[in-house]
Every structure is written in structure tokens, then in C-alpha cells.
């Protein structure tokens, strides 16, 4: 969703970015390609650090999380599976509760191969994947993460001015919740 011209002009004013980050959330500069095409390198994203105090994380949210094995390192990924979900991953493909996640109809086999990696998520386990699996270090590498590692939900890309937009948390969610 594109923002109105006056709002884009306001976001371009000096000092607005730090003020927004201070008042509303956490500011992050995207450095890699793991969330492409949703987020691209060089984009500035505002994360709502209070989102998960108001409501629980939802499938499809783009989240700011701590890397589970690298203390102090933050990662931006999509939340694809919730506690209790059964998740199967085979290479770049993912199934949540037996249904292909984030794929167009007819993209490949409807059932995962027997050799694929499978988890049934526990009460405090969440699964994070990058939108560009070929460029992402994510659950394929480190498995499910605890709720305490999920810090904020992406809300707004505010820089560069020509790419200002709201982030729809459910845009890749093609699996029924």
C-alpha cells in the first residue's frame, strides 16, 4: 500500500526518522536479500516494538527477532508457523499443516517428500523463514525459535522516499490459520 504524497513528504523531512523510531518502534536498515522482494537492501524499516504486547504474533508477520545462536544479532524474517503447527521443509519449499506455504497453485508436488525435515512446534516454538530462501539463514539452519526471541512486527518502509509503503504482515500467507 502506497502512502499519500503529503505523508511521503513528511517522512522525507530531516529529523522525522529518529522521532518516529523513538516514539513508535525500532528502526532497521535492511542489509541483505533474505526478505526480497518484500524488503530490499538499503530500505529503512520501522518495526512496532509494542505490537506483541497488544496481540500475539501472527502467521505471515514480518518480524525483528534475535538470532538463536548469535547473541546480539538481529534478523528480519517472516513468521510462517505458530505453536502446534506441523511444518515440513525440503530445500526451498515449505508445508504448514500439510499445505504448501507461499506458493502459487500448481507450483510443485502437493505433498512433501518423505526425506524432508519435519517439526511439530511446541507451545513456545515459532518458525521463521526468509522470503528468498536461496539468500536466507533461517529455520532451515537453526530450527524453531522461542517467543522471547520475537521482538517487533514490521510496520513501515520509510526510506528511500520512492519506496515508502506500509508492510502487510499477511502478504505471503496462503495457508489457512
Protein backbone atom coordinates (compact mmCIF):
# COMPACT_ATOMS: atom_id res chain seq x y z
CA UNK A 1 0.00 0.00 0.00
CA UNK A 2 1.47 3.32 -1.05
CA UNK A 3 1.29 6.32 1.24
CA UNK A 4 -0.19 9.68 0.30
CA UNK A 5 2.05 12.35 -1.17
CA UNK A 6 1.84 14.62 1.94
CA UNK A 7 2.81 11.74 4.23
CA UNK A 8 5.76 10.82 1.98
CA UNK A 9 6.86 14.48 2.08
CA UNK A 10 6.61 14.49 5.88
CA UNK A 11 8.72 11.34 6.11
CA UNK A 12 11.39 12.98 3.94
CA UNK A 13 11.91 15.86 6.42
CA UNK A 14 15.14 15.83 8.45
CA UNK A 15 14.71 14.52 11.97
CA UNK A 16 11.44 12.69 11.34
CA UNK A 17 13.04 9.21 11.18
CA UNK A 18 14.66 9.32 14.64
CA UNK A 19 11.48 10.81 16.12
CA UNK A 20 9.32 8.02 14.66
CA UNK A 21 11.78 5.37 15.81
CA UNK A 22 11.84 6.82 19.32
CA UNK A 23 8.08 7.18 19.64
CA UNK A 24 6.80 4.13 17.79
CA UNK A 25 9.36 1.47 17.45
CA UNK A 26 12.68 0.31 16.24
CA UNK A 27 14.43 1.46 13.08
CA UNK A 28 16.29 -1.14 10.98
CA UNK A 29 18.25 -0.81 7.75
CA UNK A 30 17.86 -3.89 5.55
CA UNK A 31 21.34 -5.22 4.70
CA UNK A 32 20.74 -8.45 2.79
CA UNK A 33 18.49 -10.12 0.25
CA UNK A 34 16.80 -12.69 2.53
CA UNK A 35 13.43 -10.87 2.56
CA UNK A 36 13.37 -9.90 -1.12
CA UNK A 37 11.01 -8.97 -2.78
CA UNK A 38 9.17 -7.80 0.37
CA UNK A 39 12.20 -5.86 1.62
CA UNK A 40 15.33 -4.90 -0.33
CA UNK A 41 18.83 -3.90 0.78
CA UNK A 42 19.07 -0.21 1.65
CA UNK A 43 15.44 0.15 2.72
CA UNK A 44 14.77 1.60 6.16
CA UNK A 45 12.02 -0.20 8.06
CA UNK A 46 10.18 0.85 11.18
CA UNK A 47 9.22 -2.03 13.49
CA UNK A 48 6.42 -1.76 16.05
CA UNK A 49 8.07 -2.87 19.27
CA UNK A 50 4.74 -2.80 21.13
CA UNK A 51 2.81 -4.99 18.66
CA UNK A 52 3.29 -8.23 20.57
CA UNK A 53 2.27 -6.64 23.86
CA UNK A 54 -1.12 -5.87 22.27
CA UNK A 55 -1.65 -9.13 20.39
CA UNK A 56 0.17 -12.41 19.77
CA UNK A 57 2.41 -12.93 16.73
CA UNK A 58 0.50 -13.97 13.61
CA UNK A 59 1.37 -16.21 10.70
CA UNK A 60 2.70 -14.00 7.92
CA UNK A 61 4.13 -11.26 10.16
CA UNK A 62 7.50 -9.84 9.14
CA UNK A 63 9.37 -9.80 12.43
CA UNK A 64 12.52 -8.46 14.02
CA UNK A 65 14.00 -11.29 16.07
CA UNK A 66 17.19 -12.26 17.83
CA UNK A 67 19.28 -14.91 16.09
CA UNK A 68 19.00 -18.02 18.30
CA UNK A 69 22.69 -18.91 18.22
CA UNK A 70 24.34 -15.49 17.80
CA UNK A 71 23.58 -13.30 20.84
CA UNK A 72 23.12 -9.64 19.96
CA UNK A 73 22.48 -10.31 16.26
CA UNK A 74 19.06 -9.23 14.96
CA UNK A 75 17.36 -10.85 11.98
CA UNK A 76 14.33 -9.90 9.88
CA UNK A 77 12.22 -12.88 8.79
CA UNK A 78 8.64 -13.93 8.10
CA UNK A 79 6.78 -15.90 10.75
CA UNK A 80 5.39 -18.89 8.86
CA UNK A 81 4.33 -21.30 11.61
CA UNK A 82 2.83 -20.99 15.09
CA UNK A 83 2.83 -23.20 18.18
CA UNK A 84 1.14 -26.52 17.45
CA UNK A 85 1.72 -26.36 13.68
CA UNK A 86 3.33 -29.24 11.82
CA UNK A 87 5.99 -27.90 9.47
CA UNK A 88 7.91 -29.71 6.75
CA UNK A 89 10.82 -28.15 4.87
CA UNK A 90 12.53 -29.59 1.82
CA UNK A 91 15.11 -27.24 0.32
CA UNK A 92 13.31 -24.04 -0.65
CA UNK A 93 9.81 -25.49 -0.21
CA UNK A 94 7.73 -25.41 2.97
CA UNK A 95 4.47 -27.05 4.05
CA UNK A 96 2.48 -25.90 7.09
CA UNK A 97 -0.10 -28.37 8.40
CA UNK A 98 0.20 -30.32 5.14
CA UNK A 99 -0.41 -27.35 2.82
CA UNK A 100 2.24 -25.65 0.65
CA UNK A 101 3.18 -22.29 2.16
CA UNK A 102 3.59 -19.20 -0.03
CA UNK A 103 3.38 -20.94 -3.38
CA UNK A 104 1.15 -20.43 -6.37
CA UNK A 105 -1.24 -23.22 -7.35
CA UNK A 106 0.49 -25.97 -9.30
CA UNK A 107 3.99 -24.90 -8.23
CA UNK A 108 5.06 -28.45 -7.41
CA UNK A 109 4.06 -31.60 -5.60
CA UNK A 110 1.23 -31.08 -3.14
CA UNK A 111 2.75 -33.41 -0.54
CA UNK A 112 6.26 -33.12 0.92
CA UNK A 113 8.76 -35.87 0.15
CA UNK A 114 9.42 -38.46 2.88
CA UNK A 115 13.05 -37.28 3.15
CA UNK A 116 12.05 -33.71 4.13
CA UNK A 117 12.75 -32.25 7.60
CA UNK A 118 9.62 -32.07 9.80
CA UNK A 119 8.77 -30.41 13.13
CA UNK A 120 5.65 -30.28 15.25
CA UNK A 121 6.05 -26.98 17.03
CA UNK A 122 5.77 -26.90 20.82
CA UNK A 123 3.82 -24.44 22.95
CA UNK A 124 6.55 -21.79 22.70
CA UNK A 125 8.00 -22.51 19.26
CA UNK A 126 7.71 -20.32 16.18
CA UNK A 127 9.19 -20.87 12.71
CA UNK A 128 10.89 -18.02 10.81
CA UNK A 129 11.83 -18.11 7.12
CA UNK A 130 13.20 -15.55 4.69
CA UNK A 131 11.10 -14.72 1.63
CA UNK A 132 14.13 -15.51 -0.56
CA UNK A 133 15.22 -18.96 0.70
CA UNK A 134 18.30 -19.08 -1.54
CA UNK A 135 19.65 -15.97 0.27
CA UNK A 136 18.41 -16.58 3.81
CA UNK A 137 19.77 -18.01 7.03
CA UNK A 138 16.58 -19.05 8.78
CA UNK A 139 14.74 -22.03 10.32
CA UNK A 140 16.27 -24.26 7.66
CA UNK A 141 19.54 -23.64 9.50
CA UNK A 142 18.56 -23.06 13.13
CA UNK A 143 15.09 -24.61 13.56
CA UNK A 144 12.19 -23.15 15.56
CA UNK A 145 12.70 -20.22 17.95
CA UNK A 146 11.12 -19.27 21.29
CA UNK A 147 8.67 -16.39 21.71
CA UNK A 148 11.26 -14.48 23.75
CA UNK A 149 13.32 -14.03 20.56
CA UNK A 150 10.49 -12.26 18.67
CA UNK A 151 10.83 -8.52 19.35
CA UNK A 152 8.76 -6.47 16.91
CA UNK A 153 6.50 -6.55 13.84
CA UNK A 154 7.44 -4.66 10.66
CA UNK A 155 5.16 -1.72 10.02
CA UNK A 156 6.55 0.79 7.52
CA UNK A 157 9.27 1.14 4.90
CA UNK A 158 10.12 4.84 5.14
CA UNK A 159 13.29 5.21 3.07
CA UNK A 160 14.11 5.75 0.26
CA UNK A 161 11.24 8.16 -0.48
CA UNK A 162 10.23 6.46 -3.72
CA UNK A 163 9.64 3.13 -1.93
CA UNK A 164 7.70 4.33 1.14
CA UNK A 165 4.92 1.85 1.96
CA UNK A 166 3.13 0.01 4.73
CA UNK A 167 4.11 -3.62 5.23
CA UNK A 168 1.24 -6.07 5.06
CA UNK A 169 2.02 -8.81 7.54
CA UNK A 170 -0.09 -11.43 5.79
CA UNK A 171 1.05 -10.89 2.19
CA UNK A 172 2.68 -14.33 1.81
CA UNK A 173 0.17 -16.13 3.99
CA UNK A 174 -1.60 -18.53 1.68
CA UNK A 175 -2.03 -21.17 4.38
CA UNK A 176 -5.23 -21.06 6.40
CA UNK A 177 -4.61 -20.08 10.05
